[in-house]
Amino acid sequence: MHFHLFPPPPLHLMPFLLTAVLAFAAGLFLTRLGVPRVLAEFGGKLGRCWAFRRRSCDRFEGRSSGGLSNSAFNDYRRATLLKLEDEAAEFRTFLDGLKRAADAAEFDAFLKSRRDSSPQAS
């Protein structure tokens, strides 16, 4: 008599289960590559417009169809957002440099410990 912790799934559910397992594995793999972060940033920009009706989206993006828009404020806002995006890109570059430096220091410490622990050939 065989003991099964979980009974085998019905055969008509196997394609769905295999698809779910493959999607989960692909998600894990892509997460290691940093792809979901990029998709989340892209989806966030699109989601702002998808969440509103077209008229609301136009107003959100500063393309108001009514006569109530303030072009000076829209220009200031656009310039400020561009400046913030540039600063965010510089900060990401700085963080990448810090991560590279920390990784290099950790690797150098590893190599030093390997050299110190290896027997000296005489």
Protein backbone atom coordinates (compact mmCIF):
# COMPACT_ATOMS: atom_id res chain seq x y z
CA MET A 1 0.00 0.00 0.00
CA HIS A 2 1.39 3.38 -1.05
CA PHE A 3 1.16 6.40 1.15
CA HIS A 4 0.58 9.74 -0.59
CA LEU A 5 0.69 12.98 1.29
CA PHE A 6 -1.43 14.51 -1.47
CA PRO A 7 -3.51 12.43 -3.86
CA PRO A 8 -2.54 12.68 -7.53
CA PRO A 9 -4.41 15.47 -9.32
CA PRO A 10 -7.07 14.62 -11.90
CA LEU A 11 -5.60 14.38 -15.39
CA HIS A 12 -7.81 17.13 -16.79
CA LEU A 13 -6.11 19.61 -14.40
CA MET A 14 -2.53 18.69 -15.34
CA PRO A 15 -2.11 21.32 -18.11
CA PHE A 16 -3.22 24.07 -15.73
CA LEU A 17 -0.94 22.83 -12.95
CA LEU A 18 2.05 22.55 -15.28
CA THR A 19 1.38 26.05 -16.63
CA ALA A 20 1.19 27.42 -13.09
CA VAL A 21 4.47 25.74 -12.12
CA LEU A 22 6.23 27.03 -15.25
CA ALA A 23 4.88 30.56 -14.72
CA PHE A 24 6.08 30.50 -11.11
CA ALA A 25 9.54 29.29 -12.18
CA ALA A 26 9.72 31.94 -14.93
CA GLY A 27 8.71 34.59 -12.39
CA LEU A 28 11.50 33.51 -10.05
CA PHE A 29 14.02 33.54 -12.89
CA LEU A 30 12.94 36.97 -14.14
CA THR A 31 12.96 38.35 -10.60
CA ARG A 32 16.64 37.42 -10.32
CA LEU A 33 17.27 39.41 -13.53
CA GLY A 34 15.43 42.48 -12.18
CA VAL A 35 12.77 42.42 -14.90
CA PRO A 36 9.69 42.84 -12.64
CA ARG A 37 11.04 46.14 -11.31
CA VAL A 38 11.28 47.49 -14.86
CA LEU A 39 7.82 46.17 -15.69
CA ALA A 40 6.41 47.66 -12.50
CA GLU A 41 7.83 51.08 -13.35
CA PHE A 42 6.43 50.85 -16.89
CA GLY A 43 3.10 49.52 -15.65
CA GLY A 44 2.87 52.29 -13.09
CA LYS A 45 3.14 54.93 -15.80
CA LEU A 46 0.53 53.20 -17.94
CA GLY A 47 -1.70 52.39 -14.98
CA ARG A 48 -2.20 56.05 -14.16
CA CYS A 49 -3.96 56.56 -17.48
CA TRP A 50 -5.71 53.19 -17.57
CA ALA A 51 -7.18 53.83 -14.14
CA PHE A 52 -9.00 56.95 -15.32
CA ARG A 53 -11.36 57.61 -18.15
CA ARG A 54 -9.78 59.39 -21.10
CA ARG A 55 -10.91 62.85 -20.00
CA SER A 56 -9.60 62.32 -16.47
CA CYS A 57 -6.34 60.98 -17.85
CA ASP A 58 -5.89 64.05 -20.03
CA ARG A 59 -6.44 66.27 -17.01
CA PHE A 60 -4.01 64.14 -14.97
CA GLU A 61 -1.34 64.49 -17.64
CA GLY A 62 -1.88 68.26 -17.94
CA ARG A 63 -3.70 68.19 -21.30
CA SER A 64 -6.92 69.68 -20.04
CA SER A 65 -9.51 70.31 -22.70
CA GLY A 66 -11.15 73.07 -20.63
CA GLY A 67 -9.92 76.63 -20.37
CA LEU A 68 -8.76 76.22 -16.74
CA SER A 69 -5.17 75.09 -17.38
CA ASN A 70 -2.21 77.18 -16.31
CA SER A 71 0.56 76.89 -18.88
CA ALA A 72 3.20 78.44 -16.59
CA PHE A 73 2.48 75.87 -13.91
CA ASN A 74 2.46 73.05 -16.47
CA ASP A 75 5.87 74.19 -17.76
CA TYR A 76 7.24 74.40 -14.21
CA ARG A 77 5.83 70.98 -13.34
CA ARG A 78 7.24 69.42 -16.52
CA ALA A 79 10.71 70.91 -15.83
CA THR A 80 10.60 69.78 -12.20
CA LEU A 81 9.60 66.25 -13.17
CA LEU A 82 12.41 66.05 -15.73
CA LYS A 83 14.88 67.28 -13.10
CA LEU A 84 13.63 64.70 -10.62
CA GLU A 85 13.91 61.92 -13.22
CA ASP A 86 17.51 62.98 -13.94
CA GLU A 87 18.34 63.03 -10.23
CA ALA A 88 16.73 59.60 -9.79
CA ALA A 89 18.84 58.22 -12.65
CA GLU A 90 22.00 59.70 -11.10
CA PHE A 91 21.07 58.22 -7.72
CA ARG A 92 20.46 54.77 -9.26
CA THR A 93 23.90 55.00 -10.90
CA PHE A 94 25.43 55.96 -7.56
CA LEU A 95 23.70 53.02 -5.82
CA ASP A 96 24.92 50.64 -8.53
CA GLY A 97 28.47 51.92 -7.97
CA LEU A 98 28.12 51.36 -4.22
CA LYS A 99 26.84 47.85 -4.79
CA ARG A 100 29.72 47.10 -7.16
CA ALA A 101 32.22 48.43 -4.61
CA ALA A 102 30.67 46.34 -1.82
CA ASP A 103 30.71 43.25 -4.04
CA ALA A 104 34.34 43.88 -4.97
CA ALA A 105 35.32 44.33 -1.32
CA GLU A 106 33.51 41.12 -0.38
CA PHE A 107 35.18 39.23 -3.22
CA ASP A 108 38.62 40.60 -2.28
CA ALA A 109 38.06 39.51 1.33
CA PHE A 110 37.07 36.05 0.08
CA LEU A 111 40.21 35.78 -2.05
CA LYS A 112 42.37 36.96 0.85
CA SER A 113 40.85 34.37 3.18
CA ARG A 114 41.44 31.67 0.54
CA ARG A 115 45.07 32.72 0.16
CA ASP A 116 45.58 32.81 3.91
CA SER A 117 44.03 29.38 4.46
CA SER A 118 45.76 27.60 1.56
CA PRO A 119 48.86 25.55 2.53
CA GLN A 120 52.14 27.09 1.44
CA ALA A 121 54.08 24.89 -0.96
CA SER A 122 57.75 24.80 -0.18
